[in-house]
Amino acid sequence: IEYAGSAIRGLSMEGRLTVCNMSIEAGGRA
């Protein structure tokens, strides 16, 4: 998955780490 869009770009690095961490809970490889 690539997360994109203005709301994603507006996240802090900690917020981005949270989103990418849970990619697995959506079934994604990464």
All heavy atoms as atom14 arrays in JSON, in Angstrom:
{
  "sequence": "IEYAGSAIRGLSMEGRLTVCNMSIEAGGRA",
  "atom14_mask": [
    [1, 1, 1, 1, 1, 1, 1, 1, 0, 0, 0, 0, 0, 0],
    [1, 1, 1, 1, 1, 1, 1, 1, 1, 0, 0, 0, 0, 0],
    [1, 1, 1, 1, 1, 1, 1, 1, 1, 1, 1, 1, 0, 0],
    [1, 1, 1, 1, 1, 0, 0, 0, 0, 0, 0, 0, 0, 0],
    [1, 1, 1, 1, 0, 0, 0, 0, 0, 0, 0, 0, 0, 0],
    [1, 1, 1, 1, 1, 1, 0, 0, 0, 0, 0, 0, 0, 0],
    [1, 1, 1, 1, 1, 0, 0, 0, 0, 0, 0, 0, 0, 0],
    [1, 1, 1, 1, 1, 1, 1, 1, 0, 0, 0, 0, 0, 0],
    [1, 1, 1, 1, 1, 1, 1, 1, 1, 1, 1, 0, 0, 0],
    [1, 1, 1, 1, 0, 0, 0, 0, 0, 0, 0, 0, 0, 0],
    [1, 1, 1, 1, 1, 1, 1, 1, 0, 0, 0, 0, 0, 0],
    [1, 1, 1, 1, 1, 1, 0, 0, 0, 0, 0, 0, 0, 0],
    [1, 1, 1, 1, 1, 1, 1, 1, 0, 0, 0, 0, 0, 0],
    [1, 1, 1, 1, 1, 1, 1, 1, 1, 0, 0, 0, 0, 0],
    [1, 1, 1, 1, 0, 0, 0, 0, 0, 0, 0, 0, 0, 0],
    [1, 1, 1, 1, 1, 1, 1, 1, 1, 1, 1, 0, 0, 0],
    [1, 1, 1, 1, 1, 1, 1, 1, 0, 0, 0, 0, 0, 0],
    [1, 1, 1, 1, 1, 1, 1, 0, 0, 0, 0, 0, 0, 0],
    [1, 1, 1, 1, 1, 1, 1, 0, 0, 0, 0, 0, 0, 0],
    [1, 1, 1, 1, 1, 1, 0, 0, 0, 0, 0, 0, 0, 0],
    [1, 1, 1, 1, 1, 1, 1, 1, 0, 0, 0, 0, 0, 0],
    [1, 1, 1, 1, 1, 1, 1, 1, 0, 0, 0, 0, 0, 0],
    [1, 1, 1, 1, 1, 1, 0, 0, 0, 0, 0, 0, 0, 0],
    [1, 1, 1, 1, 1, 1, 1, 1, 0, 0, 0, 0, 0, 0],
    [1, 1, 1, 1, 1, 1, 1, 1, 1, 0, 0, 0, 0, 0],
    [1, 1, 1, 1, 1, 0, 0, 0, 0, 0, 0, 0, 0, 0],
    [1, 1, 1, 1, 0, 0, 0, 0, 0, 0, 0, 0, 0, 0],
    [1, 1, 1, 1, 0, 0, 0, 0, 0, 0, 0, 0, 0, 0],
    [1, 1, 1, 1, 1, 1, 1, 1, 1, 1, 1, 0, 0, 0],
    [1, 1, 1, 1, 1, 0, 0, 0, 0, 0, 0, 0, 0, 0]
  ],
  "atom14_positions": [
    [[0.84, -1.21, 0.0], [0.0, 0.0, 0.0], [0.87, 1.26, 0.0], [1.84, 1.33, 0.75], [-0.9, 0.04, 1.25], [-1.75, -1.23, 1.36], [-1.79, 1.28, 1.24], [-2.41, -1.38, 2.72], [0.0, 0.0, 0.0], [0.0, 0.0, 0.0], [0.0, 0.0, 0.0], [0.0, 0.0, 0.0], [0.0, 0.0, 0.0], [0.0, 0.0, 0.0]],
    [[0.5, 2.22, -0.82], [1.04, 3.57, -0.66], [-0.08, 4.45, -0.15], [-1.14, 4.56, -0.79], [1.6, 4.15, -1.96], [2.11, 5.57, -1.73], [2.72, 6.24, -2.95], [3.08, 5.52, -3.91], [2.82, 7.48, -2.94], [0.0, 0.0, 0.0], [0.0, 0.0, 0.0], [0.0, 0.0, 0.0], [0.0, 0.0, 0.0], [0.0, 0.0, 0.0]],
    [[0.13, 5.07, 1.02], [-0.83, 6.02, 1.57], [-0.48, 7.41, 1.04], [0.68, 7.84, 1.11], [-0.78, 6.02, 3.09], [-1.11, 4.67, 3.71], [-0.08, 3.81, 4.1], [-2.42, 4.26, 3.88], [-0.37, 2.57, 4.65], [-2.71, 3.02, 4.44], [-1.68, 2.19, 4.82], [-1.96, 0.95, 5.37], [0.0, 0.0, 0.0], [0.0, 0.0, 0.0]],
    [[-1.46, 8.1, 0.49], [-1.21, 9.39, -0.14], [-2.38, 10.33, 0.13], [-3.38, 9.96, 0.75], [-0.99, 9.2, -1.63], [0.0, 0.0, 0.0], [0.0, 0.0, 0.0], [0.0, 0.0, 0.0], [0.0, 0.0, 0.0], [0.0, 0.0, 0.0], [0.0, 0.0, 0.0], [0.0, 0.0, 0.0], [0.0, 0.0, 0.0], [0.0, 0.0, 0.0]],
    [[-2.26, 11.55, -0.35], [-3.31, 12.55, -0.16], [-2.92, 13.58, 0.88], [-2.02, 13.37, 1.7], [0.0, 0.0, 0.0], [0.0, 0.0, 0.0], [0.0, 0.0, 0.0], [0.0, 0.0, 0.0], [0.0, 0.0, 0.0], [0.0, 0.0, 0.0], [0.0, 0.0, 0.0], [0.0, 0.0, 0.0], [0.0, 0.0, 0.0], [0.0, 0.0, 0.0]],
    [[-3.62, 14.69, 0.88], [-3.26, 15.81, 1.76], [-3.37, 15.47, 3.24], [-2.58, 15.96, 4.05], [-4.14, 17.02, 1.42], [-5.52, 16.7, 1.5], [0.0, 0.0, 0.0], [0.0, 0.0, 0.0], [0.0, 0.0, 0.0], [0.0, 0.0, 0.0], [0.0, 0.0, 0.0], [0.0, 0.0, 0.0], [0.0, 0.0, 0.0], [0.0, 0.0, 0.0]],
    [[-4.35, 14.64, 3.61], [-4.49, 14.28, 5.03], [-3.32, 13.43, 5.51], [-2.87, 13.57, 6.65], [-5.81, 13.53, 5.25], [0.0, 0.0, 0.0], [0.0, 0.0, 0.0], [0.0, 0.0, 0.0], [0.0, 0.0, 0.0], [0.0, 0.0, 0.0], [0.0, 0.0, 0.0], [0.0, 0.0, 0.0], [0.0, 0.0, 0.0], [0.0, 0.0, 0.0]],
    [[-2.81, 12.58, 4.65], [-1.65, 11.75, 5.01], [-0.41, 12.63, 5.1], [0.38, 12.53, 6.06], [-1.44, 10.63, 3.96], [-2.64, 9.68, 3.95], [-0.14, 9.87, 4.25], [-2.87, 8.9, 5.22], [0.0, 0.0, 0.0], [0.0, 0.0, 0.0], [0.0, 0.0, 0.0], [0.0, 0.0, 0.0], [0.0, 0.0, 0.0], [0.0, 0.0, 0.0]],
    [[-0.24, 13.52, 4.12], [0.93, 14.42, 4.15], [0.9, 15.34, 5.37], [1.95, 15.78, 5.84], [0.98, 15.27, 2.88], [1.29, 14.47, 1.62], [1.63, 15.39, 0.44], [0.53, 16.27, 0.08], [-0.44, 15.94, -0.77], [-0.45, 14.74, -1.35], [-1.41, 16.8, -1.05], [0.0, 0.0, 0.0], [0.0, 0.0, 0.0], [0.0, 0.0, 0.0]],
    [[-0.29, 15.6, 5.9], [-0.41, 16.47, 7.06], [-0.12, 15.79, 8.39], [-0.05, 16.47, 9.42], [0.0, 0.0, 0.0], [0.0, 0.0, 0.0], [0.0, 0.0, 0.0], [0.0, 0.0, 0.0], [0.0, 0.0, 0.0], [0.0, 0.0, 0.0], [0.0, 0.0, 0.0], [0.0, 0.0, 0.0], [0.0, 0.0, 0.0], [0.0, 0.0, 0.0]],
    [[0.06, 14.47, 8.38], [0.33, 13.75, 9.63], [1.77, 13.96, 10.09], [2.68, 14.1, 9.27], [0.1, 12.24, 9.43], [-1.33, 11.77, 9.16], [-1.32, 10.27, 8.86], [-2.25, 12.07, 10.34], [0.0, 0.0, 0.0], [0.0, 0.0, 0.0], [0.0, 0.0, 0.0], [0.0, 0.0, 0.0], [0.0, 0.0, 0.0], [0.0, 0.0, 0.0]],
    [[1.96, 13.95, 11.4], [3.32, 13.95, 11.95], [3.98, 12.61, 11.62], [3.32, 11.66, 11.18], [3.26, 14.13, 13.47], [2.66, 12.97, 14.06], [0.0, 0.0, 0.0], [0.0, 0.0, 0.0], [0.0, 0.0, 0.0], [0.0, 0.0, 0.0], [0.0, 0.0, 0.0], [0.0, 0.0, 0.0], [0.0, 0.0, 0.0], [0.0, 0.0, 0.0]],
    [[5.28, 12.52, 11.86], [5.95, 11.24, 11.61], [5.38, 10.15, 12.52], [5.22, 9.0, 12.09], [7.46, 11.38, 11.81], [8.24, 10.15, 11.37], [7.9, 9.64, 9.66], [8.45, 11.08, 8.76], [0.0, 0.0, 0.0], [0.0, 0.0, 0.0], [0.0, 0.0, 0.0], [0.0, 0.0, 0.0], [0.0, 0.0, 0.0], [0.0, 0.0, 0.0]],
    [[5.05, 10.5, 13.77], [4.45, 9.51, 14.66], [3.11, 9.02, 14.12], [2.8, 7.83, 14.19], [4.28, 10.09, 16.07], [5.57, 10.23, 16.86], [6.44, 11.38, 16.39], [5.93, 12.28, 15.68], [7.64, 11.38, 16.71], [0.0, 0.0, 0.0], [0.0, 0.0, 0.0], [0.0, 0.0, 0.0], [0.0, 0.0, 0.0], [0.0, 0.0, 0.0]],
    [[2.33, 9.93, 13.56], [1.06, 9.54, 12.96], [1.27, 8.64, 11.76], [0.54, 7.66, 11.56], [0.0, 0.0, 0.0], [0.0, 0.0, 0.0], [0.0, 0.0, 0.0], [0.0, 0.0, 0.0], [0.0, 0.0, 0.0], [0.0, 0.0, 0.0], [0.0, 0.0, 0.0], [0.0, 0.0, 0.0], [0.0, 0.0, 0.0], [0.0, 0.0, 0.0]],
    [[2.26, 8.94, 10.96], [2.56, 8.11, 9.79], [3.01, 6.71, 10.2], [2.66, 5.71, 9.56], [3.64, 8.79, 8.93], [3.21, 10.13, 8.36], [4.33, 10.77, 7.56], [3.96, 12.12, 7.09], [4.62, 12.79, 6.16], [5.69, 12.26, 5.59], [4.22, 13.99, 5.8], [0.0, 0.0, 0.0], [0.0, 0.0, 0.0], [0.0, 0.0, 0.0]],
    [[3.79, 6.64, 11.27], [4.23, 5.34, 11.78], [3.02, 4.5, 12.21], [2.96, 3.29, 11.98], [5.19, 5.53, 12.97], [6.58, 6.07, 12.61], [7.26, 6.64, 13.85], [7.45, 4.99, 11.99], [0.0, 0.0, 0.0], [0.0, 0.0, 0.0], [0.0, 0.0, 0.0], [0.0, 0.0, 0.0], [0.0, 0.0, 0.0], [0.0, 0.0, 0.0]],
    [[2.03, 5.15, 12.81], [0.81, 4.46, 13.23], [0.07, 3.88, 12.04], [-0.35, 2.71, 12.04], [-0.11, 5.43, 14.0], [0.54, 5.85, 15.19], [-1.43, 4.78, 14.35], [0.0, 0.0, 0.0], [0.0, 0.0, 0.0], [0.0, 0.0, 0.0], [0.0, 0.0, 0.0], [0.0, 0.0, 0.0], [0.0, 0.0, 0.0], [0.0, 0.0, 0.0]],
    [[-0.1, 4.68, 11.0], [-0.84, 4.25, 9.8], [-0.12, 3.07, 9.15], [-0.73, 2.03, 8.85], [-1.0, 5.41, 8.81], [-1.5, 4.9, 7.46], [-1.96, 6.45, 9.37], [0.0, 0.0, 0.0], [0.0, 0.0, 0.0], [0.0, 0.0, 0.0], [0.0, 0.0, 0.0], [0.0, 0.0, 0.0], [0.0, 0.0, 0.0], [0.0, 0.0, 0.0]],
    [[1.18, 3.2, 8.92], [1.92, 2.13, 8.23], [1.99, 0.87, 9.07], [1.95, -0.25, 8.53], [3.33, 2.62, 7.87], [3.33, 3.84, 6.55], [0.0, 0.0, 0.0], [0.0, 0.0, 0.0], [0.0, 0.0, 0.0], [0.0, 0.0, 0.0], [0.0, 0.0, 0.0], [0.0, 0.0, 0.0], [0.0, 0.0, 0.0], [0.0, 0.0, 0.0]],
    [[2.07, 1.01, 10.38], [2.1, -0.15, 11.27], [0.91, -1.06, 11.03], [1.04, -2.29, 10.97], [2.11, 0.33, 12.73], [2.01, -0.79, 13.73], [0.94, -1.34, 13.95], [3.14, -1.15, 14.34], [0.0, 0.0, 0.0], [0.0, 0.0, 0.0], [0.0, 0.0, 0.0], [0.0, 0.0, 0.0], [0.0, 0.0, 0.0], [0.0, 0.0, 0.0]],
    [[-0.28, -0.47, 10.85], [-1.5, -1.26, 10.76], [-1.85, -1.7, 9.34], [-2.94, -2.22, 9.1], [-2.66, -0.5, 11.4], [-2.53, -0.44, 12.92], [-4.02, 0.15, 13.74], [-5.18, -1.15, 13.36], [0.0, 0.0, 0.0], [0.0, 0.0, 0.0], [0.0, 0.0, 0.0], [0.0, 0.0, 0.0], [0.0, 0.0, 0.0], [0.0, 0.0, 0.0]],
    [[-0.91, -1.52, 8.4], [-1.13, -2.04, 7.05], [-1.4, -3.54, 7.09], [-2.15, -4.07, 6.27], [0.11, -1.77, 6.18], [0.38, -0.4, 6.1], [0.0, 0.0, 0.0], [0.0, 0.0, 0.0], [0.0, 0.0, 0.0], [0.0, 0.0, 0.0], [0.0, 0.0, 0.0], [0.0, 0.0, 0.0], [0.0, 0.0, 0.0], [0.0, 0.0, 0.0]],
    [[-0.77, -4.22, 8.03], [-0.92, -5.67, 8.15], [-2.35, -6.02, 8.54], [-2.9, -7.04, 8.12], [0.08, -6.23, 9.19], [1.5, -5.78, 8.84], [-0.01, -7.73, 9.29], [1.93, -6.06, 7.42], [0.0, 0.0, 0.0], [0.0, 0.0, 0.0], [0.0, 0.0, 0.0], [0.0, 0.0, 0.0], [0.0, 0.0, 0.0], [0.0, 0.0, 0.0]],
    [[-2.99, -5.16, 9.36], [-4.37, -5.41, 9.76], [-5.34, -5.24, 8.59], [-6.51, -5.64, 8.7], [-4.77, -4.48, 10.91], [-4.51, -5.04, 12.29], [-3.04, -5.3, 12.57], [-2.22, -4.39, 12.4], [-2.7, -6.44, 12.95], [0.0, 0.0, 0.0], [0.0, 0.0, 0.0], [0.0, 0.0, 0.0], [0.0, 0.0, 0.0], [0.0, 0.0, 0.0]],
    [[-4.88, -4.65, 7.51], [-5.69, -4.56, 6.29], [-5.33, -5.68, 5.32], [-5.85, -5.71, 4.2], [-5.49, -3.2, 5.62], [0.0, 0.0, 0.0], [0.0, 0.0, 0.0], [0.0, 0.0, 0.0], [0.0, 0.0, 0.0], [0.0, 0.0, 0.0], [0.0, 0.0, 0.0], [0.0, 0.0, 0.0], [0.0, 0.0, 0.0], [0.0, 0.0, 0.0]],
    [[-4.43, -6.57, 5.73], [-4.02, -7.68, 4.88], [-2.86, -7.36, 3.96], [-2.44, -8.22, 3.18], [0.0, 0.0, 0.0], [0.0, 0.0, 0.0], [0.0, 0.0, 0.0], [0.0, 0.0, 0.0], [0.0, 0.0, 0.0], [0.0, 0.0, 0.0], [0.0, 0.0, 0.0], [0.0, 0.0, 0.0], [0.0, 0.0, 0.0], [0.0, 0.0, 0.0]],
    [[-2.32, -6.13, 4.03], [-1.25, -5.73, 3.12], [0.08, -6.39, 3.45], [0.33, -6.77, 4.59], [0.0, 0.0, 0.0], [0.0, 0.0, 0.0], [0.0, 0.0, 0.0], [0.0, 0.0, 0.0], [0.0, 0.0, 0.0], [0.0, 0.0, 0.0], [0.0, 0.0, 0.0], [0.0, 0.0, 0.0], [0.0, 0.0, 0.0], [0.0, 0.0, 0.0]],
    [[0.91, -6.5, 2.43], [2.27, -7.02, 2.63], [3.14, -5.96, 3.29], [4.0, -6.27, 4.1], [2.86, -7.41, 1.26], [4.28, -7.95, 1.31], [4.34, -9.25, 2.08], [5.63, -9.9, 1.95], [6.23, -10.58, 2.92], [5.65, -10.66, 4.12], [7.39, -11.17, 2.73], [0.0, 0.0, 0.0], [0.0, 0.0, 0.0], [0.0, 0.0, 0.0]],
    [[2.91, -4.71, 2.92], [3.66, -3.58, 3.47], [2.85, -2.32, 3.21], [1.9, -2.33, 2.42], [5.05, -3.48, 2.85], [0.0, 0.0, 0.0], [0.0, 0.0, 0.0], [0.0, 0.0, 0.0], [0.0, 0.0, 0.0], [0.0, 0.0, 0.0], [0.0, 0.0, 0.0], [0.0, 0.0, 0.0], [0.0, 0.0, 0.0], [0.0, 0.0, 0.0]]
  ]
}
